[in-house]
Amino acid sequence: MKAIGVLEVAANVAAIEALDAMLKAADVEFVTTERALGGRLVSIVIQGSISDVQEAIEHGKVVAARLGKLAAAITISHPHEEVQKLVLHSAQKLNK
């Protein structure tokens, strides 16, 4: 993984809208999602080049903030292999 981005949004519908914006904004790939608090808090993970992930996360933040649902966002360039394992483990749960 060159870079991963995580956008945390406080509503499932807002997360879907933010993901749509991120995927349209840059050449990134949706990796996985994690839900907490009964789906009221959704973390979306994307991957791609550092610049594309940064651009996508910024677009997602704008959408989520416009909806009043932005909780947190981060871009990690060259994630440590243990972080990669965590993300891949989450992605495997999503694909089952």
PDB file of N, CA and C in Angstrom:
ATOM      1  N   MET A   1       0.830  -1.176   0.000  1.00  0.00           N
ATOM      2  CA  MET A   1       0.000   0.000   0.000  1.00  0.00           C
ATOM      3  C   MET A   1       0.877   1.242   0.000  1.00  0.00           C
ATOM      4  N   LYS A   2       0.611   2.117  -0.919  1.00  0.00           N
ATOM      5  CA  LYS A   2       1.341   3.382  -0.922  1.00  0.00           C
ATOM      6  C   LYS A   2       0.811   4.310   0.159  1.00  0.00           C
ATOM      7  N   ALA A   3      -0.518   4.403   0.253  1.00  0.00           N
ATOM      8  CA  ALA A   3      -1.134   5.249   1.268  1.00  0.00           C
ATOM      9  C   ALA A   3      -2.538   4.745   1.543  1.00  0.00           C
ATOM     10  N   ILE A   4      -2.979   4.989   2.774  1.00  0.00           N
ATOM     11  CA  ILE A   4      -4.365   4.706   3.106  1.00  0.00           C
ATOM     12  C   ILE A   4      -4.967   5.974   3.691  1.00  0.00           C
ATOM     13  N   GLY A   5      -6.258   6.092   3.528  1.00  0.00           N
ATOM     14  CA  GLY A   5      -6.981   7.207   4.116  1.00  0.00           C
ATOM     15  C   GLY A   5      -8.161   6.650   4.871  1.00  0.00           C
ATOM     16  N   VAL A   6      -8.453   7.245   6.015  1.00  0.00           N
ATOM     17  CA  VAL A   6      -9.595   6.835   6.813  1.00  0.00           C
ATOM     18  C   VAL A   6     -10.446   8.076   7.073  1.00  0.00           C
ATOM     19  N   LEU A   7     -11.720   7.956   6.750  1.00  0.00           N
ATOM     20  CA  LEU A   7     -12.678   9.019   7.017  1.00  0.00           C
ATOM     21  C   LEU A   7     -13.728   8.452   7.944  1.00  0.00           C
ATOM     22  N   GLU A   8     -13.916   9.107   9.081  1.00  0.00           N
ATOM     23  CA  GLU A   8     -14.893   8.648  10.053  1.00  0.00           C
ATOM     24  C   GLU A   8     -16.062   9.625  10.035  1.00  0.00           C
ATOM     25  N   VAL A   9     -17.257   9.057   9.840  1.00  0.00           N
ATOM     26  CA  VAL A   9     -18.458   9.857   9.642  1.00  0.00           C
ATOM     27  C   VAL A   9     -19.540   9.369  10.602  1.00  0.00           C
ATOM     28  N   ALA A  10     -20.315  10.314  11.135  1.00  0.00           N
ATOM     29  CA  ALA A  10     -21.318   9.988  12.140  1.00  0.00           C
ATOM     30  C   ALA A  10     -22.697   9.737  11.533  1.00  0.00           C
ATOM     31  N   ALA A  11     -22.787   8.865  10.554  1.00  0.00           N
ATOM     32  CA  ALA A  11     -24.074   8.419   9.984  1.00  0.00           C
ATOM     33  C   ALA A  11     -23.779   7.584   8.744  1.00  0.00           C
ATOM     34  N   ASN A  12     -24.537   6.520   8.569  1.00  0.00           N
ATOM     35  CA  ASN A  12     -24.295   5.625   7.442  1.00  0.00           C
ATOM     36  C   ASN A  12     -24.566   6.303   6.097  1.00  0.00           C
ATOM     37  N   VAL A  13     -25.658   7.030   5.990  1.00  0.00           N
ATOM     38  CA  VAL A  13     -25.986   7.693   4.721  1.00  0.00           C
ATOM     39  C   VAL A  13     -24.928   8.736   4.370  1.00  0.00           C
ATOM     40  N   ALA A  14     -24.484   9.491   5.352  1.00  0.00           N
ATOM     41  CA  ALA A  14     -23.427  10.475   5.118  1.00  0.00           C
ATOM     42  C   ALA A  14     -22.131   9.790   4.698  1.00  0.00           C
ATOM     43  N   ALA A  15     -21.851   8.623   5.264  1.00  0.00           N
ATOM     44  CA  ALA A  15     -20.650   7.867   4.883  1.00  0.00           C
ATOM     45  C   ALA A  15     -20.723   7.442   3.423  1.00  0.00           C
ATOM     46  N   ILE A  16     -21.883   7.010   2.987  1.00  0.00           N
ATOM     47  CA  ILE A  16     -22.040   6.595   1.587  1.00  0.00           C
ATOM     48  C   ILE A  16     -21.852   7.789   0.658  1.00  0.00           C
ATOM     49  N   GLU A  17     -22.425   8.920   1.026  1.00  0.00           N
ATOM     50  CA  GLU A  17     -22.267  10.117   0.186  1.00  0.00           C
ATOM     51  C   GLU A  17     -20.809  10.564   0.146  1.00  0.00           C
ATOM     52  N   ALA A  18     -20.125  10.512   1.288  1.00  0.00           N
ATOM     53  CA  ALA A  18     -18.712  10.896   1.330  1.00  0.00           C
ATOM     54  C   ALA A  18     -17.857   9.928   0.525  1.00  0.00           C
ATOM     55  N   LEU A  19     -18.143   8.630   0.619  1.00  0.00           N
ATOM     56  CA  LEU A  19     -17.395   7.640  -0.162  1.00  0.00           C
ATOM     57  C   LEU A  19     -17.578   7.887  -1.647  1.00  0.00           C
ATOM     58  N   ASP A  20     -18.785   8.167  -2.063  1.00  0.00           N
ATOM     59  CA  ASP A  20     -19.054   8.460  -3.474  1.00  0.00           C
ATOM     60  C   ASP A  20     -18.210   9.649  -3.938  1.00  0.00           C
ATOM     61  N   ALA A  21     -18.165  10.698  -3.134  1.00  0.00           N
ATOM     62  CA  ALA A  21     -17.370  11.880  -3.482  1.00  0.00           C
ATOM     63  C   ALA A  21     -15.888  11.548  -3.570  1.00  0.00           C
ATOM     64  N   MET A  22     -15.398  10.735  -2.629  1.00  0.00           N
ATOM     65  CA  MET A  22     -13.972  10.383  -2.630  1.00  0.00           C
ATOM     66  C   MET A  22     -13.599   9.572  -3.864  1.00  0.00           C
ATOM     67  N   LEU A  23     -14.451   8.603  -4.218  1.00  0.00           N
ATOM     68  CA  LEU A  23     -14.145   7.747  -5.367  1.00  0.00           C
ATOM     69  C   LEU A  23     -14.202   8.510  -6.675  1.00  0.00           C
ATOM     70  N   LYS A  24     -15.041   9.530  -6.746  1.00  0.00           N
ATOM     71  CA  LYS A  24     -15.151  10.357  -7.958  1.00  0.00           C
ATOM     72  C   LYS A  24     -14.048  11.396  -8.042  1.00  0.00           C
ATOM     73  N   ALA A  25     -13.474  11.779  -6.903  1.00  0.00           N
ATOM     74  CA  ALA A  25     -12.499  12.869  -6.859  1.00  0.00           C
ATOM     75  C   ALA A  25     -11.093  12.457  -7.259  1.00  0.00           C
ATOM     76  N   ALA A  26     -10.749  11.194  -7.044  1.00  0.00           N
ATOM     77  CA  ALA A  26      -9.361  10.771  -7.264  1.00  0.00           C
ATOM     78  C   ALA A  26      -9.312   9.280  -7.586  1.00  0.00           C
ATOM     79  N   ASP A  27      -8.147   8.863  -8.038  1.00  0.00           N
ATOM     80  CA  ASP A  27      -7.931   7.459  -8.402  1.00  0.00           C
ATOM     81  C   ASP A  27      -7.591   6.659  -7.142  1.00  0.00           C
ATOM     82  N   VAL A  28      -8.640   6.376  -6.342  1.00  0.00           N
ATOM     83  CA  VAL A  28      -8.474   5.602  -5.118  1.00  0.00           C
ATOM     84  C   VAL A  28      -9.396   4.401  -5.162  1.00  0.00           C
ATOM     85  N   GLU A  29      -9.114   3.461  -4.284  1.00  0.00           N
ATOM     86  CA  GLU A  29      -9.897   2.229  -4.204  1.00  0.00           C
ATOM     87  C   GLU A  29     -10.489   2.110  -2.804  1.00  0.00           C
ATOM     88  N   PHE A  30     -11.754   1.760  -2.741  1.00  0.00           N
ATOM     89  CA  PHE A  30     -12.410   1.488  -1.465  1.00  0.00           C
ATOM     90  C   PHE A  30     -11.857   0.173  -0.940  1.00  0.00           C
ATOM     91  N   VAL A  31     -11.418   0.151   0.317  1.00  0.00           N
ATOM     92  CA  VAL A  31     -10.832  -1.048   0.905  1.00  0.00           C
ATOM     93  C   VAL A  31     -11.812  -1.730   1.849  1.00  0.00           C
ATOM     94  N   THR A  32     -12.327  -0.974   2.822  1.00  0.00           N
ATOM     95  CA  THR A  32     -13.211  -1.574   3.814  1.00  0.00           C
ATOM     96  C   THR A  32     -13.938  -0.489   4.584  1.00  0.00           C
ATOM     97  N   THR A  33     -14.826  -0.923   5.414  1.00  0.00           N
ATOM     98  CA  THR A  33     -15.539  -0.033   6.318  1.00  0.00           C
ATOM     99  C   THR A  33     -15.696  -0.727   7.661  1.00  0.00           C
ATOM    100  N   GLU A  34     -15.726   0.053   8.697  1.00  0.00           N
ATOM    101  CA  GLU A  34     -15.979  -0.447  10.045  1.00  0.00           C
ATOM    102  C   GLU A  34     -17.102   0.381  10.627  1.00  0.00           C
ATOM    103  N   ARG A  35     -18.005  -0.284  11.317  1.00  0.00           N
ATOM    104  CA  ARG A  35     -19.118   0.422  11.955  1.00  0.00           C
ATOM    105  C   ARG A  35     -19.011   0.270  13.465  1.00  0.00           C
ATOM    106  N   ALA A  36     -19.345   1.350  14.162  1.00  0.00           N
ATOM    107  CA  ALA A  36     -19.375   1.344  15.623  1.00  0.00           C
ATOM    108  C   ALA A  36     -20.665   2.013  16.084  1.00  0.00           C
ATOM    109  N   LEU A  37     -20.998   1.795  17.305  1.00  0.00           N
ATOM    110  CA  LEU A  37     -22.190   2.407  17.901  1.00  0.00           C
ATOM    111  C   LEU A  37     -23.441   2.089  17.097  1.00  0.00           C
ATOM    112  N   GLY A  38     -23.577   0.825  16.708  1.00  0.00           N
ATOM    113  CA  GLY A  38     -24.765   0.405  15.974  1.00  0.00           C
ATOM    114  C   GLY A  38     -24.870   1.002  14.584  1.00  0.00           C
ATOM    115  N   GLY A  39     -23.735   1.350  13.981  1.00  0.00           N
ATOM    116  CA  GLY A  39     -23.733   1.926  12.639  1.00  0.00           C
ATOM    117  C   GLY A  39     -23.816   3.438  12.639  1.00  0.00           C
ATOM    118  N   ARG A  40     -23.878   4.041  13.822  1.00  0.00           N
ATOM    119  CA  ARG A  40     -23.953   5.505  13.880  1.00  0.00           C
ATOM    120  C   ARG A  40     -22.602   6.161  13.642  1.00  0.00           C
ATOM    121  N   LEU A  41     -21.534   5.398  13.736  1.00  0.00           N
ATOM    122  CA  LEU A  41     -20.194   5.901  13.448  1.00  0.00           C
ATOM    123  C   LEU A  41     -19.566   4.950  12.435  1.00  0.00           C
ATOM    124  N   VAL A  42     -19.232   5.473  11.281  1.00  0.00           N
ATOM    125  CA  VAL A  42     -18.723   4.646  10.183  1.00  0.00           C
ATOM    126  C   VAL A  42     -17.339   5.136   9.782  1.00  0.00           C
ATOM    127  N   SER A  43     -16.376   4.220   9.752  1.00  0.00           N
ATOM    128  CA  SER A  43     -15.024   4.522   9.277  1.00  0.00           C
ATOM    129  C   SER A  43     -14.862   3.904   7.899  1.00  0.00           C
ATOM    130  N   ILE A  44     -14.479   4.724   6.933  1.00  0.00           N
ATOM    131  CA  ILE A  44     -14.279   4.290   5.554  1.00  0.00           C
ATOM    132  C   ILE A  44     -12.780   4.300   5.282  1.00  0.00           C
ATOM    133  N   VAL A  45     -12.258   3.218   4.713  1.00  0.00           N
ATOM    134  CA  VAL A  45     -10.831   3.134   4.408  1.00  0.00           C
ATOM    135  C   VAL A  45     -10.661   3.047   2.892  1.00  0.00           C
ATOM    136  N   ILE A  46      -9.786   3.915   2.368  1.00  0.00           N
ATOM    137  CA  ILE A  46      -9.453   3.911   0.942  1.00  0.00           C
ATOM    138  C   ILE A  46      -7.947   3.760   0.803  1.00  0.00           C
ATOM    139  N   GLN A  47      -7.506   3.422  -0.412  1.00  0.00           N
ATOM    140  CA  GLN A  47      -6.066   3.333  -0.655  1.00  0.00           C
ATOM    141  C   GLN A  47      -5.755   3.831  -2.056  1.00  0.00           C
ATOM    142  N   GLY A  48      -4.507   4.208  -2.247  1.00  0.00           N
ATOM    143  CA  GLY A  48      -4.040   4.700  -3.535  1.00  0.00           C
ATOM    144  C   GLY A  48      -2.722   5.420  -3.344  1.00  0.00           C
ATOM    145  N   SER A  49      -2.357   6.218  -4.330  1.00  0.00           N
ATOM    146  CA  SER A  49      -1.140   7.016  -4.186  1.00  0.00           C
ATOM    147  C   SER A  49      -1.367   8.065  -3.105  1.00  0.00           C
ATOM    148  N   ILE A  50      -0.297   8.578  -2.560  1.00  0.00           N
ATOM    149  CA  ILE A  50      -0.410   9.556  -1.478  1.00  0.00           C
ATOM    150  C   ILE A  50      -1.231  10.760  -1.916  1.00  0.00           C
ATOM    151  N   SER A  51      -0.931  11.303  -3.081  1.00  0.00           N
ATOM    152  CA  SER A  51      -1.647  12.501  -3.531  1.00  0.00           C
ATOM    153  C   SER A  51      -3.121  12.211  -3.806  1.00  0.00           C
ATOM    154  N   ASP A  52      -3.412  11.049  -4.385  1.00  0.00           N
ATOM    155  CA  ASP A  52      -4.811  10.717  -4.649  1.00  0.00           C
ATOM    156  C   ASP A  52      -5.589  10.494  -3.357  1.00  0.00           C
ATOM    157  N   VAL A  53      -4.987   9.828  -2.389  1.00  0.00           N
ATOM    158  CA  VAL A  53      -5.663   9.597  -1.112  1.00  0.00           C
ATOM    159  C   VAL A  53      -5.901  10.932  -0.405  1.00  0.00           C
ATOM    160  N   GLN A  54      -4.917  11.814  -0.413  1.00  0.00           N
ATOM    161  CA  GLN A  54      -5.094  13.124   0.215  1.00  0.00           C
ATOM    162  C   GLN A  54      -6.234  13.900  -0.442  1.00  0.00           C
ATOM    163  N   GLU A  55      -6.259  13.891  -1.762  1.00  0.00           N
ATOM    164  CA  GLU A  55      -7.317  14.601  -2.485  1.00  0.00           C
ATOM    165  C   GLU A  55      -8.688  14.003  -2.177  1.00  0.00           C
ATOM    166  N   ALA A  56      -8.778  12.684  -2.196  1.00  0.00           N
ATOM    167  CA  ALA A  56     -10.054  12.016  -1.932  1.00  0.00           C
ATOM    168  C   ALA A  56     -10.542  12.300  -0.511  1.00  0.00           C
ATOM    169  N   ILE A  57      -9.650  12.222   0.461  1.00  0.00           N
ATOM    170  CA  ILE A  57     -10.024  12.483   1.848  1.00  0.00           C
ATOM    171  C   ILE A  57     -10.524  13.924   1.996  1.00  0.00           C
ATOM    172  N   GLU A  58      -9.869  14.864   1.354  1.00  0.00           N
ATOM    173  CA  GLU A  58     -10.324  16.261   1.437  1.00  0.00           C
ATOM    174  C   GLU A  58     -11.741  16.407   0.878  1.00  0.00           C
ATOM    175  N   HIS A  59     -12.031  15.756  -0.240  1.00  0.00           N
ATOM    176  CA  HIS A  59     -13.388  15.811  -0.807  1.00  0.00           C
ATOM    177  C   HIS A  59     -14.394  15.152   0.145  1.00  0.00           C
ATOM    178  N   GLY A  60     -14.026  14.018   0.720  1.00  0.00           N
ATOM    179  CA  GLY A  60     -14.903  13.347   1.663  1.00  0.00           C
ATOM    180  C   GLY A  60     -15.165  14.188   2.898  1.00  0.00           C
ATOM    181  N   LYS A  61     -14.130  14.881   3.381  1.00  0.00           N
ATOM    182  CA  LYS A  61     -14.293  15.758   4.543  1.00  0.00           C
ATOM    183  C   LYS A  61     -15.272  16.893   4.257  1.00  0.00           C
ATOM    184  N   VAL A  62     -15.183  17.468   3.070  1.00  0.00           N
ATOM    185  CA  VAL A  62     -16.086  18.559   2.697  1.00  0.00           C
ATOM    186  C   VAL A  62     -17.535  18.079   2.707  1.00  0.00           C
ATOM    187  N   VAL A  63     -17.783  16.924   2.101  1.00  0.00           N
ATOM    188  CA  VAL A  63     -19.142  16.380   2.043  1.00  0.00           C
ATOM    189  C   VAL A  63     -19.651  16.076   3.445  1.00  0.00           C
ATOM    190  N   ALA A  64     -18.850  15.386   4.247  1.00  0.00           N
ATOM    191  CA  ALA A  64     -19.281  15.014   5.593  1.00  0.00           C
ATOM    192  C   ALA A  64     -19.496  16.251   6.466  1.00  0.00           C
ATOM    193  N   ALA A  65     -18.625  17.240   6.341  1.00  0.00           N
ATOM    194  CA  ALA A  65     -18.767  18.467   7.124  1.00  0.00           C
ATOM    195  C   ALA A  65     -20.018  19.235   6.704  1.00  0.00           C
ATOM    196  N   ARG A  66     -20.301  19.264   5.408  1.00  0.00           N
ATOM    197  CA  ARG A  66     -21.505  19.938   4.910  1.00  0.00           C
ATOM    198  C   ARG A  66     -22.756  19.329   5.529  1.00  0.00           C
ATOM    199  N   LEU A  67     -22.714  18.024   5.751  1.00  0.00           N
ATOM    200  CA  LEU A  67     -23.844  17.318   6.356  1.00  0.00           C
ATOM    201  C   LEU A  67     -23.808  17.369   7.892  1.00  0.00           C
ATOM    202  N   GLY A  68     -22.754  17.963   8.441  1.00  0.00           N
ATOM    203  CA  GLY A  68     -22.605  18.037   9.897  1.00  0.00           C
ATOM    204  C   GLY A  68     -22.262  16.698  10.527  1.00  0.00           C
ATOM    205  N   LYS A  69     -21.605  15.807   9.759  1.00  0.00           N
ATOM    206  CA  LYS A  69     -21.365  14.442  10.225  1.00  0.00           C
ATOM    207  C   LYS A  69     -19.889  14.044  10.273  1.00  0.00           C
ATOM    208  N   LEU A  70     -18.973  14.967  10.025  1.00  0.00           N
ATOM    209  CA  LEU A  70     -17.548  14.629  10.033  1.00  0.00           C
ATOM    210  C   LEU A  70     -17.082  14.372  11.462  1.00  0.00           C
ATOM    211  N   ALA A  71     -16.482  13.223  11.696  1.00  0.00           N
ATOM    212  CA  ALA A  71     -15.946  12.889  13.013  1.00  0.00           C
ATOM    213  C   ALA A  71     -14.423  13.000  13.020  1.00  0.00           C
ATOM    214  N   ALA A  72     -13.752  12.414  12.016  1.00  0.00           N
ATOM    215  CA  ALA A  72     -12.291  12.438  11.962  1.00  0.00           C
ATOM    216  C   ALA A  72     -11.824  12.013  10.575  1.00  0.00           C
ATOM    217  N   ALA A  73     -10.576  12.338  10.263  1.00  0.00           N
ATOM    218  CA  ALA A  73      -9.987  11.921   8.988  1.00  0.00           C
ATOM    219  C   ALA A  73      -8.475  11.867   9.140  1.00  0.00           C
ATOM    220  N   ILE A  74      -7.877  10.927   8.417  1.00  0.00           N
ATOM    221  CA  ILE A  74      -6.419  10.793   8.456  1.00  0.00           C
ATOM    222  C   ILE A  74      -5.938  10.183   7.143  1.00  0.00           C
ATOM    223  N   THR A  75      -4.751  10.588   6.744  1.00  0.00           N
ATOM    224  CA  THR A  75      -4.049   9.978   5.614  1.00  0.00           C
ATOM    225  C   THR A  75      -2.732   9.438   6.148  1.00  0.00           C
ATOM    226  N   ILE A  76      -2.432   8.182   5.833  1.00  0.00           N
ATOM    227  CA  ILE A  76      -1.186   7.559   6.280  1.00  0.00           C
ATOM    228  C   ILE A  76      -0.398   7.139   5.044  1.00  0.00           C
ATOM    229  N   SER A  77       0.755   7.770   4.852  1.00  0.00           N
ATOM    230  CA  SER A  77       1.599   7.378   3.725  1.00  0.00           C
ATOM    231  C   SER A  77       2.497   6.234   4.158  1.00  0.00           C
ATOM    232  N   HIS A  78       2.666   5.283   3.297  1.00  0.00           N
ATOM    233  CA  HIS A  78       3.493   4.107   3.560  1.00  0.00           C
ATOM    234  C   HIS A  78       3.185   3.490   4.924  1.00  0.00           C
ATOM    235  N   PRO A  79       1.960   3.002   5.114  1.00  0.00           N
ATOM    236  CA  PRO A  79       1.589   2.457   6.426  1.00  0.00           C
ATOM    237  C   PRO A  79       2.466   1.268   6.823  1.00  0.00           C
ATOM    238  N   HIS A  80       2.720   1.165   8.101  1.00  0.00           N
ATOM    239  CA  HIS A  80       3.498   0.059   8.667  1.00  0.00           C
ATOM    240  C   HIS A  80       2.792  -1.254   8.321  1.00  0.00           C
ATOM    241  N   GLU A  81       3.532  -2.334   8.208  1.00  0.00           N
ATOM    242  CA  GLU A  81       2.942  -3.619   7.818  1.00  0.00           C
ATOM    243  C   GLU A  81       1.881  -4.089   8.805  1.00  0.00           C
ATOM    244  N   GLU A  82       1.990  -3.732  10.080  1.00  0.00           N
ATOM    245  CA  GLU A  82       0.969  -4.117  11.052  1.00  0.00           C
ATOM    246  C   GLU A  82      -0.335  -3.354  10.807  1.00  0.00           C
ATOM    247  N   VAL A  83      -0.233  -2.119  10.381  1.00  0.00           N
ATOM    248  CA  VAL A  83      -1.427  -1.344  10.019  1.00  0.00           C
ATOM    249  C   VAL A  83      -2.056  -1.960   8.771  1.00  0.00           C
ATOM    250  N   GLN A  84      -1.230  -2.350   7.817  1.00  0.00           N
ATOM    251  CA  GLN A  84      -1.733  -3.005   6.609  1.00  0.00           C
ATOM    252  C   GLN A  84      -2.481  -4.288   6.973  1.00  0.00           C
ATOM    253  N   LYS A  85      -1.940  -5.065   7.913  1.00  0.00           N
ATOM    254  CA  LYS A  85      -2.599  -6.305   8.345  1.00  0.00           C
ATOM    255  C   LYS A  85      -3.972  -6.004   8.938  1.00  0.00           C
ATOM    256  N   LEU A  86      -4.049  -4.967   9.754  1.00  0.00           N
ATOM    257  CA  LEU A  86      -5.314  -4.581  10.372  1.00  0.00           C
ATOM    258  C   LEU A  86      -6.346  -4.212   9.306  1.00  0.00           C
ATOM    259  N   VAL A  87      -5.933  -3.435   8.339  1.00  0.00           N
ATOM    260  CA  VAL A  87      -6.837  -3.016   7.265  1.00  0.00           C
ATOM    261  C   VAL A  87      -7.266  -4.220   6.433  1.00  0.00           C
ATOM    262  N   LEU A  88      -6.341  -5.085   6.093  1.00  0.00           N
ATOM    263  CA  LEU A  88      -6.679  -6.265   5.288  1.00  0.00           C
ATOM    264  C   LEU A  88      -7.590  -7.216   6.055  1.00  0.00           C
ATOM    265  N   HIS A  89      -7.386  -7.343   7.371  1.00  0.00           N
ATOM    266  CA  HIS A  89      -8.263  -8.177   8.197  1.00  0.00           C
ATOM    267  C   HIS A  89      -9.694  -7.626   8.157  1.00  0.00           C
ATOM    268  N   SER A  90      -9.828  -6.331   8.252  1.00  0.00           N
ATOM    269  CA  SER A  90     -11.147  -5.701   8.184  1.00  0.00           C
ATOM    270  C   SER A  90     -11.768  -5.924   6.812  1.00  0.00           C
ATOM    271  N   ALA A  91     -10.983  -5.813   5.763  1.00  0.00           N
ATOM    272  CA  ALA A  91     -11.486  -6.006   4.402  1.00  0.00           C
ATOM    273  C   ALA A  91     -11.960  -7.435   4.190  1.00  0.00           C
ATOM    274  N   GLN A  92     -11.278  -8.402   4.799  1.00  0.00           N
ATOM    275  CA  GLN A  92     -11.699  -9.806   4.663  1.00  0.00           C
ATOM    276  C   GLN A  92     -13.048 -10.031   5.315  1.00  0.00           C
ATOM    277  N   LYS A  93     -13.316  -9.374   6.449  1.00  0.00           N
ATOM    278  CA  LYS A  93     -14.618  -9.491   7.107  1.00  0.00           C
ATOM    279  C   LYS A  93     -15.717  -8.912   6.219  1.00  0.00           C
ATOM    280  N   LEU A  94     -15.409  -7.834   5.514  1.00  0.00           N
ATOM    281  CA  LEU A  94     -16.388  -7.183   4.645  1.00  0.00           C
ATOM    282  C   LEU A  94     -16.749  -8.086   3.472  1.00  0.00           C
ATOM    283  N   ASN A  95     -15.789  -8.850   2.969  1.00  0.00           N
ATOM    284  CA  ASN A  95     -15.999  -9.676   1.784  1.00  0.00           C
ATOM    285  C   ASN A  95     -16.623 -11.031   2.074  1.00  0.00           C
ATOM    286  N   LYS A  96     -16.875 -11.334   3.332  1.00  0.00           N
ATOM    287  CA  LYS A  96     -17.469 -12.647   3.667  1.00  0.00           C
ATOM    288  C   LYS A  96     -18.948 -12.636   3.458  1.00  0.00           C
TER     289      LYS A  96
END
